[in-house]
Amino acid sequence: MGNIIFASKLDLSNKSLSEFPKEILKYKNLKKLNLSNNSINSLPAEIANLKRLKVLDISNNNIAALGAKMFDLKDLEVLIVNGNKIRTLPKQIGNLAKLKNLSCSGNKLDNLPEQISSLKKLRFLNISNNPMVSFPDCILNLSRLETLSINKNKFNSIPKDKILDCLPLLKRLYCFSPTIDEAYDSDRGLKILQREKGNAMKMLKLVAANVQNDPQNLPKMKTTDPNKHIFISYSHQDVKYKDEIEKGLKAITYAGFTFSYWVDTQIASGDIFKSEIANEIAKADIVIFIVSINFMSSKFIQENELPALLHQAKTKGTRFLILIARKCPFKHSILGDYQTVNTPDTPMNGLSEHEQDAVYVKLVEDVISNI
């Protein structure tokens, strides 16, 4: 390490260290210390003397316990202890008033100390892959939390409504579990979230909305008509909106609502696409239109899909649900007299992510009320 004791950063990752190098304690100006991917068993109490330390990464070592003195590092903003053998976090963790990032995945934690509630500046919390069976309620006191990762857990349930109410700044929620046991006694809403490989916030909002409408917390299949069929009409240039709608439809099927839906990506190789689309239109009880200038200028939609769907509405009573994706002269279109999910003056591409989520939830609720 030499004699550069005034360094502010020190990276000793992947050095095959079996113990904490005491020479580090001479680095009084140290702000960032990386000891990840070694074989260190413990940290000395004297680490508290590194008063200026802001970032400490001790991930992927053999550490079984964290000493209370370590939490005298009052300037610490980032603490990463992933991939160790830690069974408990000391209550002194509440002393880290400046902590913004706490990552402790892949340990043996079965709970979090109540003192976590004192970390009022915490933005990022990762407790994935720990043997927790109950969601730690102290997390709900972290009002500035923006990212929460609880992948690969064994929670029986999570407080979906409370997460949304108590964590107003939360933008990212990760719940994925690649080995979901359908027989495992967890609530249906959590199982839906565990299927999401990425950010599950949108799905959480959909699930929470459905739970509010179900006093039994969605434990049983809904008494909806399984023969109800949904057709999605859209321009391929607006595929991102179609993808979000599909997520919402999948969410309510996992929640127990029974229906079928069709989108042109389901056309198999070799199918005659015009006849396939015509067959699906003939079965449609609900049509979801994703309207934009792309939709309105599509020759196939205007000359093939729309006339057939309008005929369905007149003869069969097919219900139209219209999402305005982009600003367009909708009021002058053939659909202009129909009510829309969001108004033509508030197209999806002009809304914030939070506002878009609310529209998708409204659309899904409209689907539920018609199946």
Protein backbone atom coordinates (compact mmCIF):
# COMPACT_ATOMS: atom_id res chain seq x y z
CA MET A 1 0.00 0.00 0.00
CA GLY A 2 3.05 2.24 0.27
CA ASN A 3 3.17 5.37 2.37
CA ILE A 4 0.42 7.36 0.66
CA ILE A 5 -1.47 7.81 3.89
CA PHE A 6 -3.24 10.94 2.70
CA ALA A 7 -5.18 9.09 0.00
CA SER A 8 -8.95 9.53 0.02
CA LYS A 9 -9.73 6.33 -1.92
CA LEU A 10 -8.42 2.83 -1.40
CA ASP A 11 -9.37 -0.21 -3.49
CA LEU A 12 -8.25 -3.55 -2.05
CA SER A 13 -10.89 -5.70 -3.74
CA ASN A 14 -9.97 -9.13 -5.11
CA LYS A 15 -6.67 -9.28 -3.20
CA SER A 16 -7.22 -12.66 -1.47
CA LEU A 17 -7.06 -10.96 1.92
CA SER A 18 -7.88 -13.21 4.87
CA GLU A 19 -7.95 -10.40 7.43
CA PHE A 20 -8.42 -6.67 7.63
CA PRO A 21 -5.07 -4.92 6.89
CA LYS A 22 -4.32 -2.82 9.97
CA GLU A 23 -2.25 -0.44 7.84
CA ILE A 24 -5.53 0.96 6.52
CA LEU A 25 -6.08 2.62 9.88
CA LYS A 26 -3.28 5.07 9.07
CA TYR A 27 -5.30 6.55 6.22
CA LYS A 28 -7.03 9.25 8.24
CA ASN A 29 -8.31 11.08 5.14
CA LEU A 30 -9.89 7.99 3.66
CA LYS A 31 -13.38 8.60 2.24
CA LYS A 32 -13.88 5.49 0.14
CA LEU A 33 -12.75 1.98 1.09
CA ASN A 34 -13.36 -1.11 -1.06
CA LEU A 35 -12.53 -4.48 0.50
CA SER A 36 -14.95 -6.57 -1.57
CA ASN A 37 -14.29 -10.08 -2.87
CA ASN A 38 -11.80 -11.21 -0.26
CA SER A 39 -11.94 -13.71 2.63
CA ILE A 40 -12.04 -11.30 5.56
CA ASN A 41 -13.76 -12.69 8.69
CA SER A 42 -14.16 -9.55 10.77
CA LEU A 43 -13.55 -5.82 11.00
CA PRO A 44 -11.59 -4.28 13.89
CA ALA A 45 -13.31 -1.86 16.25
CA GLU A 46 -10.62 0.67 15.31
CA ILE A 47 -12.25 1.12 11.90
CA ALA A 48 -14.32 3.75 13.70
CA ASN A 49 -11.19 5.94 13.67
CA LEU A 50 -11.63 6.48 9.93
CA LYS A 51 -13.88 9.41 10.73
CA ARG A 52 -14.10 10.76 7.17
CA LEU A 53 -15.20 7.50 5.58
CA LYS A 54 -18.23 7.95 3.31
CA VAL A 55 -18.27 4.71 1.31
CA LEU A 56 -17.50 1.24 2.70
CA ASP A 57 -17.79 -1.87 0.54
CA ILE A 58 -17.08 -5.16 2.31
CA SER A 59 -19.25 -7.34 0.08
CA ASN A 60 -18.44 -10.98 -0.65
CA ASN A 61 -16.28 -11.80 2.34
CA ASN A 62 -16.79 -14.21 5.27
CA ILE A 63 -18.05 -11.67 7.80
CA ALA A 64 -20.58 -13.10 10.25
CA ALA A 65 -21.11 -10.06 12.48
CA LEU A 66 -20.73 -6.29 12.35
CA GLY A 67 -19.35 -4.65 15.48
CA ALA A 68 -21.22 -1.80 17.09
CA LYS A 69 -18.18 0.51 16.85
CA MET A 70 -18.36 0.44 13.05
CA PHE A 71 -21.53 2.49 13.32
CA ASP A 72 -19.61 5.38 14.85
CA LEU A 73 -18.71 6.27 11.26
CA LYS A 74 -21.11 9.20 11.32
CA ASP A 75 -20.22 10.44 7.80
CA LEU A 76 -20.94 7.10 6.13
CA GLU A 77 -23.26 7.48 3.14
CA VAL A 78 -22.87 4.09 1.43
CA LEU A 79 -22.60 0.74 3.21
CA ILE A 80 -22.41 -2.43 1.10
CA VAL A 81 -22.21 -5.76 2.93
CA ASN A 82 -23.69 -8.11 0.31
CA GLY A 83 -22.69 -11.77 0.19
CA ASN A 84 -21.49 -12.33 3.74
CA LYS A 85 -22.84 -14.42 6.64
CA ILE A 86 -24.39 -11.63 8.69
CA ARG A 87 -27.34 -12.72 10.85
CA THR A 88 -28.26 -9.38 12.42
CA LEU A 89 -27.63 -5.70 11.93
CA PRO A 90 -26.74 -3.97 15.21
CA LYS A 91 -29.23 -1.44 16.54
CA GLN A 92 -26.42 1.14 16.34
CA ILE A 93 -27.06 1.29 12.60
CA GLY A 94 -29.52 4.03 13.51
CA ASN A 95 -26.51 6.26 14.25
CA LEU A 96 -25.70 6.54 10.54
CA ALA A 97 -27.81 9.65 10.00
CA LYS A 98 -26.18 10.43 6.64
CA LEU A 99 -26.58 6.96 5.14
CA LYS A 100 -28.13 7.01 1.66
CA ASN A 101 -27.38 3.51 0.40
CA LEU A 102 -27.63 0.28 2.42
CA SER A 103 -27.12 -2.99 0.59
CA CYS A 104 -27.11 -6.27 2.52
CA SER A 105 -28.36 -8.91 0.09
CA GLY A 106 -27.21 -12.50 0.25
CA ASN A 107 -26.76 -12.73 4.02
CA LYS A 108 -28.62 -14.58 6.78
CA LEU A 109 -30.81 -11.75 8.01
CA ASP A 110 -34.23 -12.81 9.27
CA ASN A 111 -35.28 -9.26 10.17
CA LEU A 112 -34.14 -5.65 10.35
CA PRO A 113 -33.70 -3.67 13.58
CA GLU A 114 -36.32 -1.03 14.33
CA GLN A 115 -33.51 1.54 14.38
CA ILE A 116 -33.48 1.37 10.57
CA SER A 117 -36.37 3.84 10.89
CA SER A 118 -33.85 6.51 11.93
CA LEU A 119 -32.14 6.48 8.54
CA LYS A 120 -34.14 9.42 7.23
CA LYS A 121 -31.81 10.08 4.29
CA LEU A 122 -31.80 6.52 2.98
CA ARG A 123 -32.56 6.39 -0.75
CA PHE A 124 -31.55 2.82 -1.66
CA LEU A 125 -32.19 -0.37 0.33
CA ASN A 126 -31.36 -3.89 -0.84
CA ILE A 127 -32.35 -6.79 1.43
CA SER A 128 -32.68 -9.39 -1.32
CA ASN A 129 -31.88 -13.07 -0.87
CA ASN A 130 -32.16 -13.22 2.92
CA PRO A 131 -34.27 -15.76 4.88
CA MET A 132 -36.91 -13.21 5.89
CA VAL A 133 -40.49 -14.47 6.14
CA SER A 134 -42.05 -11.20 7.33
CA PHE A 135 -41.75 -7.85 5.62
CA PRO A 136 -39.89 -5.49 8.03
CA ASP A 137 -42.39 -2.76 8.88
CA CYS A 138 -39.57 -0.39 9.81
CA ILE A 139 -38.98 0.06 6.07
CA LEU A 140 -42.26 1.97 5.89
CA ASN A 141 -40.69 4.77 7.94
CA LEU A 142 -38.06 5.45 5.25
CA SER A 143 -40.05 8.19 3.58
CA ARG A 144 -37.24 9.23 1.22
CA LEU A 145 -36.63 5.74 -0.13
CA GLU A 146 -36.42 5.65 -3.93
CA THR A 147 -35.29 2.05 -4.56
CA LEU A 148 -36.26 -1.08 -2.62
CA SER A 149 -35.02 -4.53 -3.59
CA ILE A 150 -36.60 -7.59 -1.94
CA ASN A 151 -35.86 -10.21 -4.60
CA LYS A 152 -35.70 -13.91 -3.70
CA ASN A 153 -37.46 -13.62 -0.35
CA LYS A 154 -39.94 -15.86 1.45
CA PHE A 155 -42.34 -13.19 2.63
CA ASN A 156 -45.89 -14.41 3.22
CA SER A 157 -47.12 -11.02 2.08
CA ILE A 158 -46.07 -7.42 1.67
CA PRO A 159 -48.10 -4.31 2.68
CA LYS A 160 -48.86 -3.16 -0.86
CA ASP A 161 -51.05 -0.17 0.02
CA LYS A 162 -48.74 0.95 2.82
CA ILE A 163 -45.71 0.82 0.55
CA LEU A 164 -47.46 3.20 -1.84
CA ASP A 165 -48.77 5.45 0.95
CA CYS A 166 -45.71 5.57 3.21
CA LEU A 167 -42.98 5.64 0.57
CA PRO A 168 -44.13 8.47 -1.74
CA LEU A 169 -40.73 8.82 -3.47
CA LEU A 170 -40.35 5.12 -4.28
CA LYS A 171 -39.62 4.71 -8.00
CA ARG A 172 -38.13 1.22 -8.17
CA LEU A 173 -39.32 -1.98 -6.49
CA TYR A 174 -37.68 -5.32 -7.25
CA CYS A 175 -39.50 -8.45 -6.10
CA PHE A 176 -38.50 -11.10 -8.62
CA SER A 177 -38.25 -14.69 -7.43
CA PRO A 178 -37.17 -17.17 -10.14
CA THR A 179 -38.42 -20.18 -8.16
CA ILE A 180 -41.95 -19.23 -7.15
CA ASP A 181 -43.62 -22.11 -5.34
CA GLU A 182 -47.30 -21.95 -6.23
CA ALA A 183 -48.09 -24.02 -3.15
CA TYR A 184 -46.23 -21.61 -0.91
CA ASP A 185 -48.60 -19.77 1.39
CA SER A 186 -48.11 -16.21 0.20
CA ASP A 187 -50.80 -13.85 -1.04
CA ARG A 188 -51.72 -13.81 -4.70
CA GLY A 189 -50.68 -10.18 -5.15
CA LEU A 190 -47.14 -10.93 -4.00
CA LYS A 191 -46.89 -13.85 -6.42
CA ILE A 192 -47.82 -11.49 -9.23
CA LEU A 193 -45.02 -9.12 -8.23
CA GLN A 194 -42.53 -11.98 -7.93
CA ARG A 195 -43.00 -12.70 -11.63
CA GLU A 196 -41.73 -9.25 -12.59
CA LYS A 197 -38.07 -9.46 -13.61
CA GLY A 198 -37.53 -5.72 -13.54
CA ASN A 199 -39.03 -2.74 -11.78
CA ALA A 200 -42.39 -3.87 -10.34
CA MET A 201 -43.76 -0.45 -9.33
CA LYS A 202 -46.36 -0.29 -12.09
CA MET A 203 -47.48 -3.82 -11.29
CA LEU A 204 -47.65 -2.95 -7.60
CA LYS A 205 -50.05 -0.10 -8.36
CA LEU A 206 -52.24 -2.38 -10.46
CA VAL A 207 -52.25 -5.11 -7.81
CA ALA A 208 -52.96 -2.63 -5.02
CA ALA A 209 -55.88 -1.18 -6.97
CA ASN A 210 -57.36 -4.64 -7.46
CA VAL A 211 -56.91 -5.56 -3.81
CA GLN A 212 -58.79 -2.42 -2.74
CA ASN A 213 -61.73 -3.60 -4.81
CA ASP A 214 -61.68 -7.08 -3.29
CA PRO A 215 -62.45 -7.47 0.42
CA GLN A 216 -61.06 -11.01 0.34
CA ASN A 217 -57.64 -9.80 -0.83
CA LEU A 218 -57.92 -11.75 -4.08
CA PRO A 219 -57.64 -15.28 -2.66
CA LYS A 220 -60.11 -16.81 -5.11
CA MET A 221 -60.87 -16.70 -8.80
CA LYS A 222 -63.28 -13.98 -9.82
CA THR A 223 -66.71 -14.85 -11.13
CA THR A 224 -66.03 -13.34 -14.54
CA ASP A 225 -66.90 -14.80 -17.91
CA PRO A 226 -63.91 -16.78 -19.24
CA ASN A 227 -65.32 -16.41 -22.74
CA LYS A 228 -64.84 -12.63 -22.75
CA HIS A 229 -62.32 -11.71 -25.43
CA ILE A 230 -60.23 -8.55 -25.80
CA PHE A 231 -58.73 -7.27 -29.05
CA ILE A 232 -55.90 -4.69 -29.04
CA SER A 233 -55.71 -2.37 -32.04
CA TYR A 234 -52.56 -0.26 -32.40
CA SER A 235 -49.78 0.94 -34.70
CA HIS A 236 -46.47 -0.87 -34.34
CA GLN A 237 -44.84 2.53 -33.86
CA ASP A 238 -46.67 2.71 -30.52
CA VAL A 239 -45.59 -0.72 -29.29
CA LYS A 240 -44.36 0.56 -25.91
CA TYR A 241 -47.92 1.49 -24.93
CA LYS A 242 -49.17 -1.91 -26.07
CA ASP A 243 -46.50 -3.58 -23.89
CA GLU A 244 -47.64 -1.68 -20.78
CA ILE A 245 -51.28 -2.58 -21.43
CA GLU A 246 -50.33 -6.25 -21.79
CA LYS A 247 -48.61 -6.10 -18.39
CA GLY A 248 -51.80 -4.80 -16.84
CA LEU A 249 -53.89 -7.52 -18.45
CA LYS A 250 -51.46 -10.20 -17.27
CA ALA A 251 -51.58 -8.73 -13.76
CA ILE A 252 -55.34 -9.17 -13.47
CA THR A 253 -55.22 -12.69 -14.91
CA TYR A 254 -52.76 -13.61 -12.15
CA ALA A 255 -55.13 -11.89 -9.74
CA GLY A 256 -57.87 -14.30 -10.75
CA PHE A 257 -59.85 -12.51 -13.47
CA THR A 258 -60.65 -14.85 -16.35
CA PHE A 259 -60.72 -13.68 -19.97
CA SER A 260 -58.65 -13.95 -23.12
CA TYR A 261 -56.96 -11.24 -25.15
CA TRP A 262 -55.32 -11.05 -28.54
CA VAL A 263 -52.67 -8.86 -30.11
CA ASP A 264 -51.09 -9.26 -33.53
CA THR A 265 -47.78 -10.45 -32.09
CA GLN A 266 -49.61 -13.73 -31.43
CA ILE A 267 -49.86 -14.45 -35.15
CA ALA A 268 -47.86 -17.61 -35.78
CA SER A 269 -45.44 -17.99 -38.65
CA GLY A 270 -47.34 -19.18 -41.71
CA ASP A 271 -50.72 -17.80 -40.60
CA ILE A 272 -52.65 -15.71 -43.10
CA PHE A 273 -52.64 -12.51 -41.05
CA LYS A 274 -55.73 -10.84 -42.55
CA SER A 275 -57.97 -13.83 -41.90
CA GLU A 276 -56.44 -14.33 -38.44
CA ILE A 277 -57.18 -10.72 -37.51
CA ALA A 278 -60.69 -10.97 -38.94
CA ASN A 279 -61.36 -14.05 -36.79
CA GLU A 280 -60.15 -12.29 -33.66
CA ILE A 281 -62.21 -9.18 -34.40
CA ALA A 282 -65.32 -11.35 -34.77
CA LYS A 283 -64.74 -12.72 -31.24
CA ALA A 284 -64.02 -9.36 -29.61
CA ASP A 285 -66.18 -8.26 -26.66
CA ILE A 286 -63.81 -5.44 -25.76
CA VAL A 287 -61.46 -3.50 -28.01
CA ILE A 288 -58.54 -1.50 -26.66
CA PHE A 289 -57.50 1.18 -29.16
CA ILE A 290 -54.10 2.85 -28.81
CA VAL A 291 -54.68 6.05 -30.78
CA SER A 292 -52.01 8.33 -32.20
CA ILE A 293 -51.22 9.96 -35.52
CA ASN A 294 -49.56 6.64 -36.39
CA PHE A 295 -52.84 4.82 -35.71
CA MET A 296 -54.90 7.36 -37.64
CA SER A 297 -52.60 7.24 -40.68
CA SER A 298 -52.38 3.46 -40.85
CA LYS A 299 -54.08 2.26 -44.05
CA PHE A 300 -54.60 -1.27 -42.72
CA ILE A 301 -56.21 -0.06 -39.48
CA GLN A 302 -58.43 2.49 -41.19
CA GLU A 303 -59.55 0.26 -44.07
CA ASN A 304 -59.62 -3.16 -42.42
CA GLU A 305 -59.71 -3.15 -38.62
CA LEU A 306 -61.85 -0.10 -37.87
CA PRO A 307 -64.81 -0.83 -40.19
CA ALA A 308 -65.04 -4.39 -38.87
CA LEU A 309 -64.77 -3.27 -35.24
CA LEU A 310 -67.39 -0.56 -35.67
CA HIS A 311 -69.69 -3.19 -37.16
CA GLN A 312 -69.04 -5.35 -34.10
CA ALA A 313 -69.97 -2.46 -31.83
CA LYS A 314 -73.30 -1.97 -33.61
CA THR A 315 -74.29 -5.62 -33.97
CA LYS A 316 -72.71 -7.24 -30.93
CA GLY A 317 -72.30 -4.35 -28.49
CA THR A 318 -68.52 -4.63 -28.42
CA ARG A 319 -67.14 -2.11 -25.90
CA PHE A 320 -64.41 0.36 -26.95
CA LEU A 321 -61.67 1.46 -24.53
CA ILE A 322 -59.57 4.18 -26.12
CA LEU A 323 -56.11 5.20 -24.93
CA ILE A 324 -54.73 8.41 -26.46
CA ALA A 325 -51.01 7.72 -26.89
CA ARG A 326 -49.96 10.83 -28.77
CA LYS A 327 -51.44 14.18 -29.74
CA CYS A 328 -53.64 13.74 -32.80
CA PRO A 329 -56.89 15.08 -34.33
CA PHE A 330 -58.88 12.42 -32.51
CA LYS A 331 -62.12 14.45 -32.30
CA HIS A 332 -62.26 14.51 -36.11
CA SER A 333 -61.68 10.77 -36.44
CA ILE A 334 -64.28 8.05 -36.90
CA LEU A 335 -63.87 7.27 -33.17
CA GLY A 336 -64.21 10.90 -32.17
CA ASP A 337 -67.62 10.52 -30.53
CA TYR A 338 -66.47 7.75 -28.19
CA GLN A 339 -65.29 8.39 -24.63
CA THR A 340 -61.57 7.94 -23.99
CA VAL A 341 -59.64 6.66 -20.99
CA ASN A 342 -57.46 9.79 -20.97
CA THR A 343 -58.55 12.94 -22.74
CA PRO A 344 -57.19 13.87 -26.20
CA ASP A 345 -55.63 16.92 -24.53
CA THR A 346 -53.61 14.73 -22.13
CA PRO A 347 -51.90 12.14 -24.37
CA MET A 348 -49.70 9.53 -22.72
CA ASN A 349 -46.46 10.87 -24.17
CA GLY A 350 -47.09 14.18 -22.43
CA LEU A 351 -47.63 12.67 -18.99
CA SER A 352 -45.12 11.88 -16.27
CA GLU A 353 -44.45 8.24 -15.44
CA HIS A 354 -46.63 8.54 -12.33
CA GLU A 355 -49.48 10.05 -14.35
CA GLN A 356 -49.16 7.34 -17.01
CA ASP A 357 -49.39 4.66 -14.30
CA ALA A 358 -52.67 6.15 -13.14
CA VAL A 359 -54.09 5.99 -16.68
CA TYR A 360 -53.02 2.35 -17.11
CA VAL A 361 -54.67 1.49 -13.80
CA LYS A 362 -57.87 3.23 -14.93
CA LEU A 363 -57.80 1.28 -18.19
CA VAL A 364 -57.41 -2.03 -16.36
CA GLU A 365 -60.26 -1.12 -14.00
CA ASP A 366 -62.43 -0.39 -17.08
CA VAL A 367 -61.53 -3.84 -18.41
CA ILE A 368 -62.51 -5.43 -15.08
CA SER A 369 -65.88 -3.67 -15.08
CA ASN A 370 -66.65 -5.10 -18.53
CA ILE A 371 -65.67 -8.73 -18.11
